[in-house]
Amino acid sequence: MELTNDAIQKLVEKTDEKNDTIRIGLTGGGCAGFEYIFDYASGIHDDDKVWDYGKFRIVIDSMSLPFLSDATLDYVKEGINEQFKIINPQETASCGCGISVQFA
């Protein structure tokens, strides 16, 4: 997974010594089949892939990794809304609300 400069900058702002690890992954759910996980990690598992960016770490579990390998994490501002956004070329569809995604 790649991170844009905007995502890196915002992650540096949002993390600290107690919460320095972000878990990104997939879980089953939603009308399209999968939902992204994006949260502070409570721990790192043996099968997690870890990227250390110095001030923070990103972890992805081994089951989610193939679906996220070509994805990019960005931080976008759209009007008055700001959010982290996963741009994933492997998605084949998403639900109308944009919460869940589907893969071929």
C-alpha atoms as a PDB file:
ATOM      1  CA  MET A   1       0.000   0.000   0.000  1.00  0.00           C
ATOM      2  CA  GLU A   2       1.232   3.456  -0.877  1.00  0.00           C
ATOM      3  CA  LEU A   3       0.580   6.609   1.131  1.00  0.00           C
ATOM      4  CA  THR A   4       0.281  10.077  -0.326  1.00  0.00           C
ATOM      5  CA  ASN A   5       2.142  12.978   1.256  1.00  0.00           C
ATOM      6  CA  ASP A   6      -1.198  14.346   2.522  1.00  0.00           C
ATOM      7  CA  ALA A   7      -1.986  11.015   4.213  1.00  0.00           C
ATOM      8  CA  ILE A   8       1.458  10.843   5.826  1.00  0.00           C
ATOM      9  CA  GLN A   9       1.180  14.404   7.110  1.00  0.00           C
ATOM     10  CA  LYS A  10      -2.283  13.787   8.621  1.00  0.00           C
ATOM     11  CA  LEU A  11      -1.211  10.470  10.175  1.00  0.00           C
ATOM     12  CA  VAL A  12       1.720  12.224  11.858  1.00  0.00           C
ATOM     13  CA  GLU A  13      -0.802  14.714  13.303  1.00  0.00           C
ATOM     14  CA  LYS A  14      -3.302  12.021  14.403  1.00  0.00           C
ATOM     15  CA  THR A  15      -0.877   9.584  16.025  1.00  0.00           C
ATOM     16  CA  ASP A  16       1.117   9.842  19.240  1.00  0.00           C
ATOM     17  CA  GLU A  17       3.270   7.615  21.458  1.00  0.00           C
ATOM     18  CA  LYS A  18       0.235   5.719  22.815  1.00  0.00           C
ATOM     19  CA  ASN A  19      -1.554   5.383  19.466  1.00  0.00           C
ATOM     20  CA  ASP A  20       1.164   5.099  16.848  1.00  0.00           C
ATOM     21  CA  THR A  21      -0.083   2.081  14.891  1.00  0.00           C
ATOM     22  CA  ILE A  22      -2.900   2.150  12.347  1.00  0.00           C
ATOM     23  CA  ARG A  23      -4.606  -1.056  11.194  1.00  0.00           C
ATOM     24  CA  ILE A  24      -5.925  -1.115   7.651  1.00  0.00           C
ATOM     25  CA  GLY A  25      -7.785  -4.150   6.371  1.00  0.00           C
ATOM     26  CA  LEU A  26     -11.012  -5.654   5.146  1.00  0.00           C
ATOM     27  CA  THR A  27     -13.903  -7.289   6.926  1.00  0.00           C
ATOM     28  CA  GLY A  28     -17.014  -8.909   5.562  1.00  0.00           C
ATOM     29  CA  GLY A  29     -20.071  -6.700   5.538  1.00  0.00           C
ATOM     30  CA  GLY A  30     -22.144  -4.104   3.807  1.00  0.00           C
ATOM     31  CA  CYS A  31     -24.264  -4.548   0.726  1.00  0.00           C
ATOM     32  CA  ALA A  32     -21.248  -4.942  -1.600  1.00  0.00           C
ATOM     33  CA  GLY A  33     -19.524  -7.633   0.503  1.00  0.00           C
ATOM     34  CA  PHE A  34     -16.506  -5.992   2.163  1.00  0.00           C
ATOM     35  CA  GLU A  35     -15.860  -2.978   4.336  1.00  0.00           C
ATOM     36  CA  TYR A  36     -12.516  -1.321   4.956  1.00  0.00           C
ATOM     37  CA  ILE A  37     -11.037  -1.304   8.449  1.00  0.00           C
ATOM     38  CA  PHE A  38      -9.153   1.863   9.364  1.00  0.00           C
ATOM     39  CA  ASP A  39      -8.469   2.304  13.078  1.00  0.00           C
ATOM     40  CA  TYR A  40      -5.791   2.407  15.734  1.00  0.00           C
ATOM     41  CA  ALA A  41      -4.329  -1.081  16.193  1.00  0.00           C
ATOM     42  CA  SER A  42      -4.670  -2.691  19.610  1.00  0.00           C
ATOM     43  CA  GLY A  43      -1.767  -4.997  18.800  1.00  0.00           C
ATOM     44  CA  ILE A  44       0.316  -6.530  16.053  1.00  0.00           C
ATOM     45  CA  HIS A  45      -0.202 -10.180  15.117  1.00  0.00           C
ATOM     46  CA  ASP A  46       2.430 -12.595  13.834  1.00  0.00           C
ATOM     47  CA  ASP A  47       0.940 -12.669  10.330  1.00  0.00           C
ATOM     48  CA  ASP A  48       0.617  -8.865   9.991  1.00  0.00           C
ATOM     49  CA  LYS A  49       2.665  -6.937   7.451  1.00  0.00           C
ATOM     50  CA  VAL A  50       4.124  -3.843   9.144  1.00  0.00           C
ATOM     51  CA  TRP A  51       5.362  -0.637   7.536  1.00  0.00           C
ATOM     52  CA  ASP A  52       7.292   1.674   9.868  1.00  0.00           C
ATOM     53  CA  TYR A  53       7.173   5.364   8.942  1.00  0.00           C
ATOM     54  CA  GLY A  54       9.125   6.528  11.994  1.00  0.00           C
ATOM     55  CA  LYS A  55       6.389   8.458  13.819  1.00  0.00           C
ATOM     56  CA  PHE A  56       3.689   5.870  13.036  1.00  0.00           C
ATOM     57  CA  ARG A  57       3.232   2.342  11.688  1.00  0.00           C
ATOM     58  CA  ILE A  58       0.714   0.817   9.310  1.00  0.00           C
ATOM     59  CA  VAL A  59      -0.288  -2.838   9.765  1.00  0.00           C
ATOM     60  CA  ILE A  60      -2.314  -4.992   7.377  1.00  0.00           C
ATOM     61  CA  ASP A  61      -3.340  -8.579   8.129  1.00  0.00           C
ATOM     62  CA  SER A  62      -2.276 -11.332   5.743  1.00  0.00           C
ATOM     63  CA  MET A  63      -5.828 -11.997   4.518  1.00  0.00           C
ATOM     64  CA  SER A  64      -6.407  -8.341   3.518  1.00  0.00           C
ATOM     65  CA  LEU A  65      -2.963  -7.767   2.033  1.00  0.00           C
ATOM     66  CA  PRO A  66      -3.650  -9.207  -1.472  1.00  0.00           C
ATOM     67  CA  PHE A  67      -6.690  -6.906  -1.813  1.00  0.00           C
ATOM     68  CA  LEU A  68      -4.757  -3.825  -0.645  1.00  0.00           C
ATOM     69  CA  SER A  69      -1.371  -4.375  -2.297  1.00  0.00           C
ATOM     70  CA  ASP A  70      -2.055  -1.896  -5.134  1.00  0.00           C
ATOM     71  CA  ALA A  71      -4.116   0.531  -3.036  1.00  0.00           C
ATOM     72  CA  THR A  72      -3.191   4.078  -2.068  1.00  0.00           C
ATOM     73  CA  LEU A  73      -4.148   5.813   1.170  1.00  0.00           C
ATOM     74  CA  ASP A  74      -4.888   9.491   0.659  1.00  0.00           C
ATOM     75  CA  TYR A  75      -6.266  12.302   2.794  1.00  0.00           C
ATOM     76  CA  VAL A  76      -8.806  14.339   0.882  1.00  0.00           C
ATOM     77  CA  LYS A  77     -10.761  17.527   1.445  1.00  0.00           C
ATOM     78  CA  GLU A  78     -14.094  17.707  -0.347  1.00  0.00           C
ATOM     79  CA  GLY A  79     -15.942  20.909   0.508  1.00  0.00           C
ATOM     80  CA  ILE A  80     -16.141  21.067   4.297  1.00  0.00           C
ATOM     81  CA  ASN A  81     -15.484  17.316   4.658  1.00  0.00           C
ATOM     82  CA  GLU A  82     -12.038  15.828   5.271  1.00  0.00           C
ATOM     83  CA  GLN A  83     -11.241  12.117   5.437  1.00  0.00           C
ATOM     84  CA  PHE A  84      -8.771   9.370   4.777  1.00  0.00           C
ATOM     85  CA  LYS A  85      -9.651   7.633   1.529  1.00  0.00           C
ATOM     86  CA  ILE A  86      -8.471   4.295   0.178  1.00  0.00           C
ATOM     87  CA  ILE A  87      -8.081   4.386  -3.582  1.00  0.00           C
ATOM     88  CA  ASN A  88      -8.069   0.778  -4.702  1.00  0.00           C
ATOM     89  CA  PRO A  89      -7.870  -0.238  -8.381  1.00  0.00           C
ATOM     90  CA  GLN A  90      -8.897  -3.793  -7.420  1.00  0.00           C
ATOM     91  CA  GLU A  91     -12.417  -2.699  -6.415  1.00  0.00           C
ATOM     92  CA  THR A  92     -15.001  -3.821  -8.964  1.00  0.00           C
ATOM     93  CA  ALA A  93     -18.014  -2.149  -7.330  1.00  0.00           C
ATOM     94  CA  SER A  94     -19.091  -0.178  -4.303  1.00  0.00           C
ATOM     95  CA  CYS A  95     -22.433   0.407  -2.650  1.00  0.00           C
ATOM     96  CA  GLY A  96     -24.373   3.613  -3.081  1.00  0.00           C
ATOM     97  CA  CYS A  97     -23.312   5.026   0.288  1.00  0.00           C
ATOM     98  CA  GLY A  98     -19.651   4.311  -0.450  1.00  0.00           C
ATOM     99  CA  ILE A  99     -19.086   2.253   2.705  1.00  0.00           C
ATOM    100  CA  SER A 100     -18.724  -1.242   1.277  1.00  0.00           C
ATOM    101  CA  VAL A 101     -16.804  -2.515  -1.730  1.00  0.00           C
ATOM    102  CA  GLN A 102     -16.659  -5.593  -3.919  1.00  0.00           C
ATOM    103  CA  PHE A 103     -13.757  -7.418  -5.525  1.00  0.00           C
ATOM    104  CA  ALA A 104     -13.819  -9.767  -8.520  1.00  0.00           C
END
